[in-house]
Amino acid sequence: MTEAINQYGGTINEFIGDAILVIFGVPTQREDDAERAVVCAVAMQMAMPGINAKLKELGLP
């Protein structure tokens, strides 16, 4: 997930269990912060099937 966050210019604020608090527009605001945040969220969701398959392959929940 961190790769997608970095790709879309998000700033990781905190890891909270299995969640990641990401902020866009910090330290520098850009006009497309909201758009990049949404595209990043979609990219992260699209990555989940691959991540779940890898976890299953490793015998993890």
PDB file of N, CA and C in Angstrom:
ATOM      1  N   MET A   1       0.816  -1.183   0.000  1.00  0.00           N
ATOM      2  CA  MET A   1       0.000   0.000   0.000  1.00  0.00           C
ATOM      3  C   MET A   1       0.868   1.260   0.000  1.00  0.00           C
ATOM      4  N   THR A   2       1.992   1.177   0.669  1.00  0.00           N
ATOM      5  CA  THR A   2       2.855   2.359   0.714  1.00  0.00           C
ATOM      6  C   THR A   2       3.336   2.765  -0.678  1.00  0.00           C
ATOM      7  N   GLU A   3       3.488   1.782  -1.566  1.00  0.00           N
ATOM      8  CA  GLU A   3       3.901   2.116  -2.934  1.00  0.00           C
ATOM      9  C   GLU A   3       2.842   2.976  -3.621  1.00  0.00           C
ATOM     10  N   ALA A   4       1.568   2.621  -3.467  1.00  0.00           N
ATOM     11  CA  ALA A   4       0.488   3.410  -4.075  1.00  0.00           C
ATOM     12  C   ALA A   4       0.436   4.801  -3.447  1.00  0.00           C
ATOM     13  N   ILE A   5       0.580   4.858  -2.142  1.00  0.00           N
ATOM     14  CA  ILE A   5       0.541   6.148  -1.440  1.00  0.00           C
ATOM     15  C   ILE A   5       1.647   7.057  -1.955  1.00  0.00           C
ATOM     16  N   ASN A   6       2.846   6.511  -2.069  1.00  0.00           N
ATOM     17  CA  ASN A   6       3.965   7.312  -2.575  1.00  0.00           C
ATOM     18  C   ASN A   6       3.758   7.706  -4.034  1.00  0.00           C
ATOM     19  N   GLN A   7       3.218   6.788  -4.831  1.00  0.00           N
ATOM     20  CA  GLN A   7       2.992   7.067  -6.247  1.00  0.00           C
ATOM     21  C   GLN A   7       2.063   8.260  -6.443  1.00  0.00           C
ATOM     22  N   TYR A   8       1.057   8.399  -5.583  1.00  0.00           N
ATOM     23  CA  TYR A   8       0.079   9.478  -5.736  1.00  0.00           C
ATOM     24  C   TYR A   8       0.355  10.670  -4.820  1.00  0.00           C
ATOM     25  N   GLY A   9       1.504  10.684  -4.166  1.00  0.00           N
ATOM     26  CA  GLY A   9       1.935  11.859  -3.420  1.00  0.00           C
ATOM     27  C   GLY A   9       1.291  12.040  -2.064  1.00  0.00           C
ATOM     28  N   GLY A  10       0.852  10.943  -1.454  1.00  0.00           N
ATOM     29  CA  GLY A  10       0.285  11.036  -0.113  1.00  0.00           C
ATOM     30  C   GLY A  10       1.387  11.035   0.936  1.00  0.00           C
ATOM     31  N   THR A  11       1.061  11.528   2.113  1.00  0.00           N
ATOM     32  CA  THR A  11       1.982  11.524   3.237  1.00  0.00           C
ATOM     33  C   THR A  11       1.414  10.607   4.306  1.00  0.00           C
ATOM     34  N   ILE A  12       2.165   9.559   4.658  1.00  0.00           N
ATOM     35  CA  ILE A  12       1.710   8.642   5.700  1.00  0.00           C
ATOM     36  C   ILE A  12       1.893   9.322   7.042  1.00  0.00           C
ATOM     37  N   ASN A  13       0.777   9.437   7.763  1.00  0.00           N
ATOM     38  CA  ASN A  13       0.807  10.057   9.084  1.00  0.00           C
ATOM     39  C   ASN A  13       0.978   9.012  10.171  1.00  0.00           C
ATOM     40  N   GLU A  14       0.300   7.840   9.996  1.00  0.00           N
ATOM     41  CA  GLU A  14       0.306   6.860  11.070  1.00  0.00           C
ATOM     42  C   GLU A  14      -0.198   5.510  10.555  1.00  0.00           C
ATOM     43  N   PHE A  15       0.395   4.446  11.082  1.00  0.00           N
ATOM     44  CA  PHE A  15      -0.129   3.101  10.875  1.00  0.00           C
ATOM     45  C   PHE A  15      -0.944   2.762  12.111  1.00  0.00           C
ATOM     46  N   ILE A  16      -2.213   2.356  11.905  1.00  0.00           N
ATOM     47  CA  ILE A  16      -3.131   2.077  13.008  1.00  0.00           C
ATOM     48  C   ILE A  16      -3.674   0.667  12.789  1.00  0.00           C
ATOM     49  N   GLY A  17      -3.056  -0.317  13.427  1.00  0.00           N
ATOM     50  CA  GLY A  17      -3.470  -1.694  13.192  1.00  0.00           C
ATOM     51  C   GLY A  17      -3.281  -2.035  11.731  1.00  0.00           C
ATOM     52  N   ASP A  18      -4.373  -2.407  11.045  1.00  0.00           N
ATOM     53  CA  ASP A  18      -4.266  -2.710   9.625  1.00  0.00           C
ATOM     54  C   ASP A  18      -4.705  -1.535   8.752  1.00  0.00           C
ATOM     55  N   ALA A  19      -4.775  -0.361   9.350  1.00  0.00           N
ATOM     56  CA  ALA A  19      -5.154   0.859   8.620  1.00  0.00           C
ATOM     57  C   ALA A  19      -3.936   1.774   8.472  1.00  0.00           C
ATOM     58  N   ILE A  20      -4.019   2.652   7.485  1.00  0.00           N
ATOM     59  CA  ILE A  20      -2.967   3.648   7.276  1.00  0.00           C
ATOM     60  C   ILE A  20      -3.642   5.007   7.184  1.00  0.00           C
ATOM     61  N   LEU A  21      -3.232   5.937   8.035  1.00  0.00           N
ATOM     62  CA  LEU A  21      -3.750   7.306   7.970  1.00  0.00           C
ATOM     63  C   LEU A  21      -2.855   8.087   7.015  1.00  0.00           C
ATOM     64  N   VAL A  22      -3.431   8.498   5.898  1.00  0.00           N
ATOM     65  CA  VAL A  22      -2.684   9.193   4.850  1.00  0.00           C
ATOM     66  C   VAL A  22      -3.286  10.572   4.650  1.00  0.00           C
ATOM     67  N   ILE A  23      -2.425  11.547   4.477  1.00  0.00           N
ATOM     68  CA  ILE A  23      -2.859  12.926   4.265  1.00  0.00           C
ATOM     69  C   ILE A  23      -2.336  13.392   2.909  1.00  0.00           C
ATOM     70  N   PHE A  24      -3.191  14.044   2.157  1.00  0.00           N
ATOM     71  CA  PHE A  24      -2.785  14.650   0.891  1.00  0.00           C
ATOM     72  C   PHE A  24      -2.821  16.160   1.080  1.00  0.00           C
ATOM     73  N   GLY A  25      -1.851  16.842   0.518  1.00  0.00           N
ATOM     74  CA  GLY A  25      -1.790  18.297   0.660  1.00  0.00           C
ATOM     75  C   GLY A  25      -0.859  18.733   1.772  1.00  0.00           C
ATOM     76  N   VAL A  26      -0.063  17.800   2.283  1.00  0.00           N
ATOM     77  CA  VAL A  26       0.899  18.101   3.339  1.00  0.00           C
ATOM     78  C   VAL A  26       2.246  17.577   2.876  1.00  0.00           C
ATOM     79  N   PRO A  27       3.298  18.277   2.925  1.00  0.00           N
ATOM     80  CA  PRO A  27       3.449  19.615   3.461  1.00  0.00           C
ATOM     81  C   PRO A  27       3.075  20.717   2.474  1.00  0.00           C
ATOM     82  N   THR A  28       2.855  20.353   1.220  1.00  0.00           N
ATOM     83  CA  THR A  28       2.521  21.359   0.213  1.00  0.00           C
ATOM     84  C   THR A  28       1.177  21.030  -0.408  1.00  0.00           C
ATOM     85  N   GLN A  29       0.277  22.003  -0.398  1.00  0.00           N
ATOM     86  CA  GLN A  29      -1.025  21.803  -1.024  1.00  0.00           C
ATOM     87  C   GLN A  29      -0.904  21.930  -2.537  1.00  0.00           C
ATOM     88  N   ARG A  30      -1.682  21.060  -3.218  1.00  0.00           N
ATOM     89  CA  ARG A  30      -1.765  21.142  -4.674  1.00  0.00           C
ATOM     90  C   ARG A  30      -3.236  21.127  -5.041  1.00  0.00           C
ATOM     91  N   GLU A  31      -3.550  21.643  -6.190  1.00  0.00           N
ATOM     92  CA  GLU A  31      -4.944  21.747  -6.624  1.00  0.00           C
ATOM     93  C   GLU A  31      -5.640  20.405  -6.741  1.00  0.00           C
ATOM     94  N   ASP A  32      -4.880  19.362  -7.055  1.00  0.00           N
ATOM     95  CA  ASP A  32      -5.486  18.057  -7.289  1.00  0.00           C
ATOM     96  C   ASP A  32      -5.356  17.094  -6.103  1.00  0.00           C
ATOM     97  N   ASP A  33      -5.182  17.615  -4.884  1.00  0.00           N
ATOM     98  CA  ASP A  33      -5.025  16.755  -3.708  1.00  0.00           C
ATOM     99  C   ASP A  33      -6.194  15.788  -3.543  1.00  0.00           C
ATOM    100  N   ALA A  34      -7.401  16.267  -3.641  1.00  0.00           N
ATOM    101  CA  ALA A  34      -8.580  15.414  -3.449  1.00  0.00           C
ATOM    102  C   ALA A  34      -8.655  14.348  -4.537  1.00  0.00           C
ATOM    103  N   GLU A  35      -8.374  14.724  -5.764  1.00  0.00           N
ATOM    104  CA  GLU A  35      -8.414  13.763  -6.869  1.00  0.00           C
ATOM    105  C   GLU A  35      -7.359  12.678  -6.676  1.00  0.00           C
ATOM    106  N   ARG A  36      -6.153  13.053  -6.297  1.00  0.00           N
ATOM    107  CA  ARG A  36      -5.096  12.070  -6.079  1.00  0.00           C
ATOM    108  C   ARG A  36      -5.431  11.153  -4.906  1.00  0.00           C
ATOM    109  N   ALA A  37      -6.086  11.674  -3.889  1.00  0.00           N
ATOM    110  CA  ALA A  37      -6.493  10.849  -2.747  1.00  0.00           C
ATOM    111  C   ALA A  37      -7.486   9.775  -3.176  1.00  0.00           C
ATOM    112  N   VAL A  38      -8.443  10.142  -3.990  1.00  0.00           N
ATOM    113  CA  VAL A  38      -9.451   9.175  -4.457  1.00  0.00           C
ATOM    114  C   VAL A  38      -8.811   8.139  -5.371  1.00  0.00           C
ATOM    115  N   VAL A  39      -7.971   8.579  -6.304  1.00  0.00           N
ATOM    116  CA  VAL A  39      -7.314   7.649  -7.215  1.00  0.00           C
ATOM    117  C   VAL A  39      -6.415   6.691  -6.429  1.00  0.00           C
ATOM    118  N   CYS A  40      -5.752   7.190  -5.412  1.00  0.00           N
ATOM    119  CA  CYS A  40      -4.917   6.351  -4.554  1.00  0.00           C
ATOM    120  C   CYS A  40      -5.771   5.297  -3.844  1.00  0.00           C
ATOM    121  N   ALA A  41      -6.907   5.703  -3.299  1.00  0.00           N
ATOM    122  CA  ALA A  41      -7.797   4.767  -2.609  1.00  0.00           C
ATOM    123  C   ALA A  41      -8.279   3.674  -3.559  1.00  0.00           C
ATOM    124  N   VAL A  42      -8.609   4.036  -4.782  1.00  0.00           N
ATOM    125  CA  VAL A  42      -9.053   3.051  -5.775  1.00  0.00           C
ATOM    126  C   VAL A  42      -7.900   2.100  -6.117  1.00  0.00           C
ATOM    127  N   ALA A  43      -6.709   2.635  -6.283  1.00  0.00           N
ATOM    128  CA  ALA A  43      -5.543   1.795  -6.592  1.00  0.00           C
ATOM    129  C   ALA A  43      -5.277   0.810  -5.457  1.00  0.00           C
ATOM    130  N   MET A  44      -5.450   1.265  -4.232  1.00  0.00           N
ATOM    131  CA  MET A  44      -5.242   0.390  -3.082  1.00  0.00           C
ATOM    132  C   MET A  44      -6.286  -0.729  -3.061  1.00  0.00           C
ATOM    133  N   GLN A  45      -7.532  -0.399  -3.354  1.00  0.00           N
ATOM    134  CA  GLN A  45      -8.578  -1.418  -3.399  1.00  0.00           C
ATOM    135  C   GLN A  45      -8.320  -2.419  -4.520  1.00  0.00           C
ATOM    136  N   MET A  46      -7.845  -1.936  -5.649  1.00  0.00           N
ATOM    137  CA  MET A  46      -7.568  -2.830  -6.774  1.00  0.00           C
ATOM    138  C   MET A  46      -6.384  -3.754  -6.482  1.00  0.00           C
ATOM    139  N   ALA A  47      -5.499  -3.358  -5.578  1.00  0.00           N
ATOM    140  CA  ALA A  47      -4.351  -4.184  -5.210  1.00  0.00           C
ATOM    141  C   ALA A  47      -4.719  -5.300  -4.232  1.00  0.00           C
ATOM    142  N   MET A  48      -5.865  -5.188  -3.576  1.00  0.00           N
ATOM    143  CA  MET A  48      -6.240  -6.148  -2.530  1.00  0.00           C
ATOM    144  C   MET A  48      -6.347  -7.600  -3.001  1.00  0.00           C
ATOM    145  N   PRO A  49      -6.927  -7.906  -4.165  1.00  0.00           N
ATOM    146  CA  PRO A  49      -6.980  -9.324  -4.563  1.00  0.00           C
ATOM    147  C   PRO A  49      -5.586  -9.972  -4.632  1.00  0.00           C
ATOM    148  N   GLY A  50      -4.618  -9.260  -5.147  1.00  0.00           N
ATOM    149  CA  GLY A  50      -3.250  -9.780  -5.208  1.00  0.00           C
ATOM    150  C   GLY A  50      -2.641  -9.966  -3.835  1.00  0.00           C
ATOM    151  N   ILE A  51      -2.888  -9.014  -2.965  1.00  0.00           N
ATOM    152  CA  ILE A  51      -2.373  -9.109  -1.590  1.00  0.00           C
ATOM    153  C   ILE A  51      -3.029 -10.279  -0.867  1.00  0.00           C
ATOM    154  N   ASN A  52      -4.343 -10.421  -1.013  1.00  0.00           N
ATOM    155  CA  ASN A  52      -5.050 -11.527  -0.366  1.00  0.00           C
ATOM    156  C   ASN A  52      -4.567 -12.872  -0.887  1.00  0.00           C
ATOM    157  N   ALA A  53      -4.307 -12.972  -2.184  1.00  0.00           N
ATOM    158  CA  ALA A  53      -3.799 -14.218  -2.753  1.00  0.00           C
ATOM    159  C   ALA A  53      -2.432 -14.550  -2.185  1.00  0.00           C
ATOM    160  N   LYS A  54      -1.579 -13.545  -2.052  1.00  0.00           N
ATOM    161  CA  LYS A  54      -0.243 -13.765  -1.497  1.00  0.00           C
ATOM    162  C   LYS A  54      -0.323 -14.223  -0.046  1.00  0.00           C
ATOM    163  N   LEU A  55      -1.195 -13.593   0.742  1.00  0.00           N
ATOM    164  CA  LEU A  55      -1.365 -13.995   2.139  1.00  0.00           C
ATOM    165  C   LEU A  55      -1.867 -15.440   2.232  1.00  0.00           C
ATOM    166  N   LYS A  56      -2.803 -15.806   1.376  1.00  0.00           N
ATOM    167  CA  LYS A  56      -3.332 -17.171   1.359  1.00  0.00           C
ATOM    168  C   LYS A  56      -2.222 -18.155   1.006  1.00  0.00           C
ATOM    169  N   GLU A  57      -1.403 -17.802   0.024  1.00  0.00           N
ATOM    170  CA  GLU A  57      -0.276 -18.635  -0.396  1.00  0.00           C
ATOM    171  C   GLU A  57       0.689 -18.878   0.766  1.00  0.00           C
ATOM    172  N   LEU A  58       0.846 -17.854   1.610  1.00  0.00           N
ATOM    173  CA  LEU A  58       1.747 -17.960   2.763  1.00  0.00           C
ATOM    174  C   LEU A  58       1.070 -18.614   3.968  1.00  0.00           C
ATOM    175  N   GLY A  59      -0.209 -18.962   3.823  1.00  0.00           N
ATOM    176  CA  GLY A  59      -0.928 -19.593   4.913  1.00  0.00           C
ATOM    177  C   GLY A  59      -1.364 -18.629   5.998  1.00  0.00           C
ATOM    178  N   LEU A  60      -1.465 -17.362   5.641  1.00  0.00           N
ATOM    179  CA  LEU A  60      -1.878 -16.331   6.595  1.00  0.00           C
ATOM    180  C   LEU A  60      -3.347 -15.969   6.381  1.00  0.00           C
ATOM    181  N   PRO A  61      -3.994 -15.446   7.425  1.00  0.00           N
ATOM    182  CA  PRO A  61      -5.407 -15.058   7.272  1.00  0.00           C
ATOM    183  C   PRO A  61      -5.583 -13.830   6.393  1.00  0.00           C
TER     184      PRO A  61
END
